[in-house]
Amino acid sequence: MPKKMTLKQRFHAGFILALAFFLVFASNRLNRRNFSTVEHTVDSVFEDRVVAQEYIYRLNNLFHKKEMLLALTPLEKNNVRVTAKIKKLFSDFEMTRLTSEENMQFANLKKNYTKLQDLEESFFKSQNTLDIKTKEAMIGVLRKISENLDKLSEVQLSEGRKLTQLSKKSLHMNQLLSKLEVAFLIIIGLLLLFIIFYREKSNVKFIEEDF
């Protein structure tokens, strides 16, 4: 058994134990932060990307339906129903977390939709008499709206990819920290053993020299 530790050995042992405690504490804090980042990105991918993509898909279908309704007269009843659904989806989409690019594309979408509504209002006031010029103008606006929706869809893919990469980076960091923590704890354990048994081995050596 090792003899009673000297004051210096106790100081070294205490320092190493404090270092081990600090290492575990710091690693735990970093792990919690990384897991929080992963949790946030997963939530954001679903709430702000998957859900937003669903809204875009449904809007695309509704505007396509509006284009189909142009071939029908009268179309006011069906068109009003579609318009109400579009307004609801616009409101829902605005509730998601929008990037600067999304805000710009969404503003363009609403601007083009306002133009479409103005053309539709002119059409309804003309007692459902759709002249070729107005019809071509409506089709042109609908094509611009389709382009806006395509660009919004591209943003969802791009942002989703960024969030996925951020998630992977946080997980890789956690794995690296875990490996470093184990390695440092092993080193600290070996240092403690060296400090505890170093005095005993030195004393044994001195005894052998006396003989």
C-alpha atoms as a PDB file:
ATOM      1  CA  MET A   1       0.000   0.000   0.000  1.00  0.00           C
ATOM      2  CA  PRO A   2       1.244   3.520  -0.691  1.00  0.00           C
ATOM      3  CA  LYS A   3       2.395   5.581   2.257  1.00  0.00           C
ATOM      4  CA  LYS A   4       0.688   8.794   3.321  1.00  0.00           C
ATOM      5  CA  MET A   5       0.726  11.344   0.471  1.00  0.00           C
ATOM      6  CA  THR A   6       2.827  14.466   0.844  1.00  0.00           C
ATOM      7  CA  LEU A   7       1.302  17.946   0.644  1.00  0.00           C
ATOM      8  CA  LYS A   8       2.701  18.376  -2.849  1.00  0.00           C
ATOM      9  CA  GLN A   9       1.168  15.095  -3.991  1.00  0.00           C
ATOM     10  CA  ARG A  10      -2.187  16.089  -2.501  1.00  0.00           C
ATOM     11  CA  PHE A  11      -2.030  19.400  -4.321  1.00  0.00           C
ATOM     12  CA  HIS A  12      -1.261  17.683  -7.630  1.00  0.00           C
ATOM     13  CA  ALA A  13      -4.009  15.101  -7.085  1.00  0.00           C
ATOM     14  CA  GLY A  14      -6.524  17.820  -6.196  1.00  0.00           C
ATOM     15  CA  PHE A  15      -5.555  19.835  -9.256  1.00  0.00           C
ATOM     16  CA  ILE A  16      -5.985  16.821 -11.525  1.00  0.00           C
ATOM     17  CA  LEU A  17      -9.372  15.968  -9.982  1.00  0.00           C
ATOM     18  CA  ALA A  18     -10.493  19.583 -10.424  1.00  0.00           C
ATOM     19  CA  LEU A  19      -9.309  19.440 -14.029  1.00  0.00           C
ATOM     20  CA  ALA A  20     -11.289  16.235 -14.568  1.00  0.00           C
ATOM     21  CA  PHE A  21     -14.403  17.835 -13.061  1.00  0.00           C
ATOM     22  CA  PHE A  22     -14.004  20.925 -15.257  1.00  0.00           C
ATOM     23  CA  LEU A  23     -13.507  18.740 -18.335  1.00  0.00           C
ATOM     24  CA  VAL A  24     -16.674  16.734 -17.663  1.00  0.00           C
ATOM     25  CA  PHE A  25     -18.654  19.910 -16.896  1.00  0.00           C
ATOM     26  CA  ALA A  26     -17.453  21.745 -20.032  1.00  0.00           C
ATOM     27  CA  SER A  27     -18.077  18.692 -22.203  1.00  0.00           C
ATOM     28  CA  ASN A  28     -21.584  18.346 -20.792  1.00  0.00           C
ATOM     29  CA  ARG A  29     -22.358  21.995 -21.530  1.00  0.00           C
ATOM     30  CA  LEU A  30     -21.087  21.697 -25.096  1.00  0.00           C
ATOM     31  CA  ASN A  31     -23.034  18.483 -25.640  1.00  0.00           C
ATOM     32  CA  ARG A  32     -26.220  20.111 -24.374  1.00  0.00           C
ATOM     33  CA  ARG A  33     -25.696  23.081 -26.689  1.00  0.00           C
ATOM     34  CA  ASN A  34     -25.073  20.819 -29.683  1.00  0.00           C
ATOM     35  CA  PHE A  35     -28.120  18.680 -28.915  1.00  0.00           C
ATOM     36  CA  SER A  36     -30.162  21.873 -28.558  1.00  0.00           C
ATOM     37  CA  THR A  37     -28.941  22.929 -32.008  1.00  0.00           C
ATOM     38  CA  VAL A  38     -29.920  19.560 -33.473  1.00  0.00           C
ATOM     39  CA  GLU A  39     -33.347  19.736 -31.825  1.00  0.00           C
ATOM     40  CA  HIS A  40     -33.889  23.261 -33.147  1.00  0.00           C
ATOM     41  CA  THR A  41     -32.855  22.341 -36.702  1.00  0.00           C
ATOM     42  CA  VAL A  42     -35.111  19.266 -36.737  1.00  0.00           C
ATOM     43  CA  ASP A  43     -38.061  21.371 -35.552  1.00  0.00           C
ATOM     44  CA  SER A  44     -37.233  24.088 -38.073  1.00  0.00           C
ATOM     45  CA  VAL A  45     -36.970  21.609 -40.963  1.00  0.00           C
ATOM     46  CA  PHE A  46     -40.468  20.360 -40.184  1.00  0.00           C
ATOM     47  CA  GLU A  47     -42.225  23.571 -39.114  1.00  0.00           C
ATOM     48  CA  ASP A  48     -40.592  26.031 -41.523  1.00  0.00           C
ATOM     49  CA  ARG A  49     -39.605  23.851 -44.477  1.00  0.00           C
ATOM     50  CA  VAL A  50     -41.760  20.722 -44.793  1.00  0.00           C
ATOM     51  CA  VAL A  51     -44.945  22.563 -43.806  1.00  0.00           C
ATOM     52  CA  ALA A  52     -44.061  25.548 -46.016  1.00  0.00           C
ATOM     53  CA  GLN A  53     -43.421  23.198 -48.938  1.00  0.00           C
ATOM     54  CA  GLU A  54     -46.872  21.694 -48.385  1.00  0.00           C
ATOM     55  CA  TYR A  55     -48.414  25.183 -48.543  1.00  0.00           C
ATOM     56  CA  ILE A  56     -46.545  25.910 -51.786  1.00  0.00           C
ATOM     57  CA  TYR A  57     -47.708  22.621 -53.296  1.00  0.00           C
ATOM     58  CA  ARG A  58     -51.338  23.387 -52.440  1.00  0.00           C
ATOM     59  CA  LEU A  59     -51.047  26.948 -53.755  1.00  0.00           C
ATOM     60  CA  ASN A  60     -49.633  25.600 -56.999  1.00  0.00           C
ATOM     61  CA  ASN A  61     -52.644  23.337 -57.387  1.00  0.00           C
ATOM     62  CA  LEU A  62     -55.081  26.160 -56.635  1.00  0.00           C
ATOM     63  CA  PHE A  63     -53.524  28.554 -59.147  1.00  0.00           C
ATOM     64  CA  HIS A  64     -53.488  25.775 -61.713  1.00  0.00           C
ATOM     65  CA  LYS A  65     -57.193  25.328 -61.004  1.00  0.00           C
ATOM     66  CA  LYS A  66     -57.713  29.062 -61.598  1.00  0.00           C
ATOM     67  CA  GLU A  67     -56.026  28.672 -64.967  1.00  0.00           C
ATOM     68  CA  MET A  68     -58.336  25.778 -65.800  1.00  0.00           C
ATOM     69  CA  LEU A  69     -61.364  27.844 -64.756  1.00  0.00           C
ATOM     70  CA  LEU A  70     -60.501  30.451 -67.382  1.00  0.00           C
ATOM     71  CA  ALA A  71     -61.922  28.076 -69.969  1.00  0.00           C
ATOM     72  CA  LEU A  72     -65.277  28.048 -68.169  1.00  0.00           C
ATOM     73  CA  THR A  73     -68.047  30.635 -68.100  1.00  0.00           C
ATOM     74  CA  PRO A  74     -69.505  31.572 -65.750  1.00  0.00           C
ATOM     75  CA  LEU A  75     -66.727  30.858 -63.261  1.00  0.00           C
ATOM     76  CA  GLU A  76     -67.472  33.254 -60.410  1.00  0.00           C
ATOM     77  CA  LYS A  77     -68.807  30.671 -57.917  1.00  0.00           C
ATOM     78  CA  ASN A  78     -65.887  28.245 -58.263  1.00  0.00           C
ATOM     79  CA  ASN A  79     -63.360  31.072 -58.420  1.00  0.00           C
ATOM     80  CA  VAL A  80     -64.539  32.604 -55.136  1.00  0.00           C
ATOM     81  CA  ARG A  81     -64.112  29.240 -53.418  1.00  0.00           C
ATOM     82  CA  VAL A  82     -60.562  28.898 -54.757  1.00  0.00           C
ATOM     83  CA  THR A  83     -59.719  32.494 -53.792  1.00  0.00           C
ATOM     84  CA  ALA A  84     -60.770  31.885 -50.172  1.00  0.00           C
ATOM     85  CA  LYS A  85     -58.447  28.865 -49.959  1.00  0.00           C
ATOM     86  CA  ILE A  86     -55.561  30.873 -51.425  1.00  0.00           C
ATOM     87  CA  LYS A  87     -55.993  33.648 -48.850  1.00  0.00           C
ATOM     88  CA  LYS A  88     -55.959  31.074 -46.044  1.00  0.00           C
ATOM     89  CA  LEU A  89     -52.753  29.478 -47.365  1.00  0.00           C
ATOM     90  CA  PHE A  90     -51.107  32.894 -47.731  1.00  0.00           C
ATOM     91  CA  SER A  91     -51.905  33.614 -44.088  1.00  0.00           C
ATOM     92  CA  ASP A  92     -50.559  30.214 -42.968  1.00  0.00           C
ATOM     93  CA  PHE A  93     -47.382  30.617 -45.017  1.00  0.00           C
ATOM     94  CA  GLU A  94     -46.660  33.996 -43.413  1.00  0.00           C
ATOM     95  CA  MET A  95     -46.732  32.311 -39.997  1.00  0.00           C
ATOM     96  CA  THR A  96     -43.650  30.208 -40.845  1.00  0.00           C
ATOM     97  CA  ARG A  97     -40.125  31.565 -40.286  1.00  0.00           C
ATOM     98  CA  LEU A  98     -39.218  33.284 -43.560  1.00  0.00           C
ATOM     99  CA  THR A  99     -35.707  34.017 -44.792  1.00  0.00           C
ATOM    100  CA  SER A 100     -34.896  37.273 -46.611  1.00  0.00           C
ATOM    101  CA  GLU A 101     -35.061  35.417 -49.943  1.00  0.00           C
ATOM    102  CA  GLU A 102     -38.448  33.946 -49.033  1.00  0.00           C
ATOM    103  CA  ASN A 103     -39.760  37.361 -48.001  1.00  0.00           C
ATOM    104  CA  MET A 104     -38.738  38.794 -51.364  1.00  0.00           C
ATOM    105  CA  GLN A 105     -40.261  35.956 -53.396  1.00  0.00           C
ATOM    106  CA  PHE A 106     -43.410  35.926 -51.270  1.00  0.00           C
ATOM    107  CA  ALA A 107     -43.790  39.697 -51.745  1.00  0.00           C
ATOM    108  CA  ASN A 108     -43.525  39.171 -55.530  1.00  0.00           C
ATOM    109  CA  LEU A 109     -46.100  36.401 -55.305  1.00  0.00           C
ATOM    110  CA  LYS A 110     -48.575  38.613 -53.439  1.00  0.00           C
ATOM    111  CA  LYS A 111     -47.934  41.456 -55.882  1.00  0.00           C
ATOM    112  CA  ASN A 112     -48.727  39.229 -58.859  1.00  0.00           C
ATOM    113  CA  TYR A 113     -51.745  37.802 -57.077  1.00  0.00           C
ATOM    114  CA  THR A 114     -53.080  41.346 -56.550  1.00  0.00           C
ATOM    115  CA  LYS A 115     -52.723  41.915 -60.316  1.00  0.00           C
ATOM    116  CA  LEU A 116     -54.635  38.702 -60.945  1.00  0.00           C
ATOM    117  CA  GLN A 117     -57.422  39.766 -58.584  1.00  0.00           C
ATOM    118  CA  ASP A 118     -57.707  43.130 -60.367  1.00  0.00           C
ATOM    119  CA  LEU A 119     -58.071  41.339 -63.702  1.00  0.00           C
ATOM    120  CA  GLU A 120     -60.646  38.961 -62.228  1.00  0.00           C
ATOM    121  CA  GLU A 121     -62.616  41.880 -60.817  1.00  0.00           C
ATOM    122  CA  SER A 122     -62.663  43.516 -64.248  1.00  0.00           C
ATOM    123  CA  PHE A 123     -63.863  40.236 -65.688  1.00  0.00           C
ATOM    124  CA  PHE A 124     -66.702  39.916 -63.182  1.00  0.00           C
ATOM    125  CA  LYS A 125     -67.784  43.528 -63.773  1.00  0.00           C
ATOM    126  CA  SER A 126     -67.979  42.834 -67.500  1.00  0.00           C
ATOM    127  CA  GLN A 127     -70.716  40.266 -66.786  1.00  0.00           C
ATOM    128  CA  ASN A 128     -68.450  37.272 -67.396  1.00  0.00           C
ATOM    129  CA  THR A 129     -67.494  38.435 -70.878  1.00  0.00           C
ATOM    130  CA  LEU A 130     -63.854  37.428 -71.154  1.00  0.00           C
ATOM    131  CA  ASP A 131     -62.100  39.129 -74.064  1.00  0.00           C
ATOM    132  CA  ILE A 132     -58.919  37.638 -75.488  1.00  0.00           C
ATOM    133  CA  LYS A 133     -56.731  40.493 -74.217  1.00  0.00           C
ATOM    134  CA  THR A 134     -57.882  40.086 -70.606  1.00  0.00           C
ATOM    135  CA  LYS A 135     -57.581  36.311 -70.820  1.00  0.00           C
ATOM    136  CA  GLU A 136     -53.998  36.538 -72.119  1.00  0.00           C
ATOM    137  CA  ALA A 137     -53.134  39.007 -69.363  1.00  0.00           C
ATOM    138  CA  MET A 138     -54.533  36.638 -66.712  1.00  0.00           C
ATOM    139  CA  ILE A 139     -52.604  33.696 -68.161  1.00  0.00           C
ATOM    140  CA  GLY A 140     -49.415  35.800 -68.159  1.00  0.00           C
ATOM    141  CA  VAL A 141     -49.874  36.720 -64.490  1.00  0.00           C
ATOM    142  CA  LEU A 142     -50.604  33.095 -63.586  1.00  0.00           C
ATOM    143  CA  ARG A 143     -47.327  32.065 -65.229  1.00  0.00           C
ATOM    144  CA  LYS A 144     -45.451  34.658 -63.158  1.00  0.00           C
ATOM    145  CA  ILE A 145     -47.180  33.322 -60.039  1.00  0.00           C
ATOM    146  CA  SER A 146     -46.065  29.812 -60.990  1.00  0.00           C
ATOM    147  CA  GLU A 147     -42.473  31.083 -61.281  1.00  0.00           C
ATOM    148  CA  ASN A 148     -42.742  32.711 -57.833  1.00  0.00           C
ATOM    149  CA  LEU A 149     -43.934  29.426 -56.343  1.00  0.00           C
ATOM    150  CA  ASP A 150     -41.107  27.514 -58.035  1.00  0.00           C
ATOM    151  CA  LYS A 151     -38.552  29.909 -56.545  1.00  0.00           C
ATOM    152  CA  LEU A 152     -40.141  29.581 -53.100  1.00  0.00           C
ATOM    153  CA  SER A 153     -39.931  25.809 -53.460  1.00  0.00           C
ATOM    154  CA  GLU A 154     -36.222  26.081 -54.333  1.00  0.00           C
ATOM    155  CA  VAL A 155     -35.662  28.126 -51.172  1.00  0.00           C
ATOM    156  CA  GLN A 156     -37.245  25.350 -49.086  1.00  0.00           C
ATOM    157  CA  LEU A 157     -34.834  22.799 -50.550  1.00  0.00           C
ATOM    158  CA  SER A 158     -31.822  25.080 -50.072  1.00  0.00           C
ATOM    159  CA  GLU A 159     -32.690  25.998 -46.471  1.00  0.00           C
ATOM    160  CA  GLY A 160     -33.551  22.394 -45.629  1.00  0.00           C
ATOM    161  CA  ARG A 161     -30.136  21.321 -46.934  1.00  0.00           C
ATOM    162  CA  LYS A 162     -28.403  23.970 -44.790  1.00  0.00           C
ATOM    163  CA  LEU A 163     -30.266  22.882 -41.661  1.00  0.00           C
ATOM    164  CA  THR A 164     -29.429  19.229 -42.322  1.00  0.00           C
ATOM    165  CA  GLN A 165     -25.731  20.089 -42.687  1.00  0.00           C
ATOM    166  CA  LEU A 166     -25.849  22.076 -39.442  1.00  0.00           C
ATOM    167  CA  SER A 167     -27.423  19.099 -37.700  1.00  0.00           C
ATOM    168  CA  LYS A 168     -24.739  16.734 -38.974  1.00  0.00           C
ATOM    169  CA  LYS A 169     -22.003  19.158 -37.924  1.00  0.00           C
ATOM    170  CA  SER A 170     -23.389  19.322 -34.372  1.00  0.00           C
ATOM    171  CA  LEU A 171     -23.623  15.523 -34.140  1.00  0.00           C
ATOM    172  CA  HIS A 172     -20.052  15.096 -35.406  1.00  0.00           C
ATOM    173  CA  MET A 173     -18.876  17.632 -32.833  1.00  0.00           C
ATOM    174  CA  ASN A 174     -20.603  15.644 -30.091  1.00  0.00           C
ATOM    175  CA  GLN A 175     -18.887  12.443 -31.220  1.00  0.00           C
ATOM    176  CA  LEU A 176     -15.494  14.171 -31.267  1.00  0.00           C
ATOM    177  CA  LEU A 177     -16.029  15.648 -27.789  1.00  0.00           C
ATOM    178  CA  SER A 178     -17.012  12.235 -26.420  1.00  0.00           C
ATOM    179  CA  LYS A 179     -13.818  10.660 -27.769  1.00  0.00           C
ATOM    180  CA  LEU A 180     -11.658  13.488 -26.415  1.00  0.00           C
ATOM    181  CA  GLU A 181     -13.379  13.264 -23.038  1.00  0.00           C
ATOM    182  CA  VAL A 182     -12.618   9.546 -22.747  1.00  0.00           C
ATOM    183  CA  ALA A 183      -8.995  10.092 -23.812  1.00  0.00           C
ATOM    184  CA  PHE A 184      -8.455  12.913 -21.294  1.00  0.00           C
ATOM    185  CA  LEU A 185     -10.060  10.926 -18.472  1.00  0.00           C
ATOM    186  CA  ILE A 186      -7.725   7.998 -19.182  1.00  0.00           C
ATOM    187  CA  ILE A 187      -4.713  10.334 -19.127  1.00  0.00           C
ATOM    188  CA  ILE A 188      -5.910  11.938 -15.888  1.00  0.00           C
ATOM    189  CA  GLY A 189      -6.418   8.503 -14.320  1.00  0.00           C
ATOM    190  CA  LEU A 190      -2.878   7.486 -15.238  1.00  0.00           C
ATOM    191  CA  LEU A 191      -1.496  10.723 -13.792  1.00  0.00           C
ATOM    192  CA  LEU A 192      -3.337  10.104 -10.525  1.00  0.00           C
ATOM    193  CA  LEU A 193      -1.912   6.585 -10.306  1.00  0.00           C
ATOM    194  CA  PHE A 194       1.568   7.953 -10.959  1.00  0.00           C
ATOM    195  CA  ILE A 195       1.227  10.590  -8.218  1.00  0.00           C
ATOM    196  CA  ILE A 196      -0.137   8.093  -5.671  1.00  0.00           C
ATOM    197  CA  PHE A 197       2.456   5.369  -6.238  1.00  0.00           C
ATOM    198  CA  TYR A 198       5.501   7.485  -7.134  1.00  0.00           C
ATOM    199  CA  ARG A 199       6.496   8.091  -3.466  1.00  0.00           C
ATOM    200  CA  GLU A 200       6.180   4.395  -2.602  1.00  0.00           C
ATOM    201  CA  LYS A 201       8.428   3.343  -5.481  1.00  0.00           C
ATOM    202  CA  SER A 202      11.005   5.976  -4.544  1.00  0.00           C
ATOM    203  CA  ASN A 203      11.086   4.709  -0.937  1.00  0.00           C
ATOM    204  CA  VAL A 204      11.477   1.107  -2.094  1.00  0.00           C
ATOM    205  CA  LYS A 205      14.453   2.149  -4.206  1.00  0.00           C
ATOM    206  CA  PHE A 206      16.132   3.893  -1.269  1.00  0.00           C
ATOM    207  CA  ILE A 207      15.635   0.805   0.961  1.00  0.00           C
ATOM    208  CA  GLU A 208      17.229  -1.466  -1.643  1.00  0.00           C
ATOM    209  CA  GLU A 209      20.258   0.864  -1.876  1.00  0.00           C
ATOM    210  CA  ASP A 210      20.733   0.681   1.922  1.00  0.00           C
ATOM    211  CA  PHE A 211      21.117  -3.076   1.670  1.00  0.00           C
END
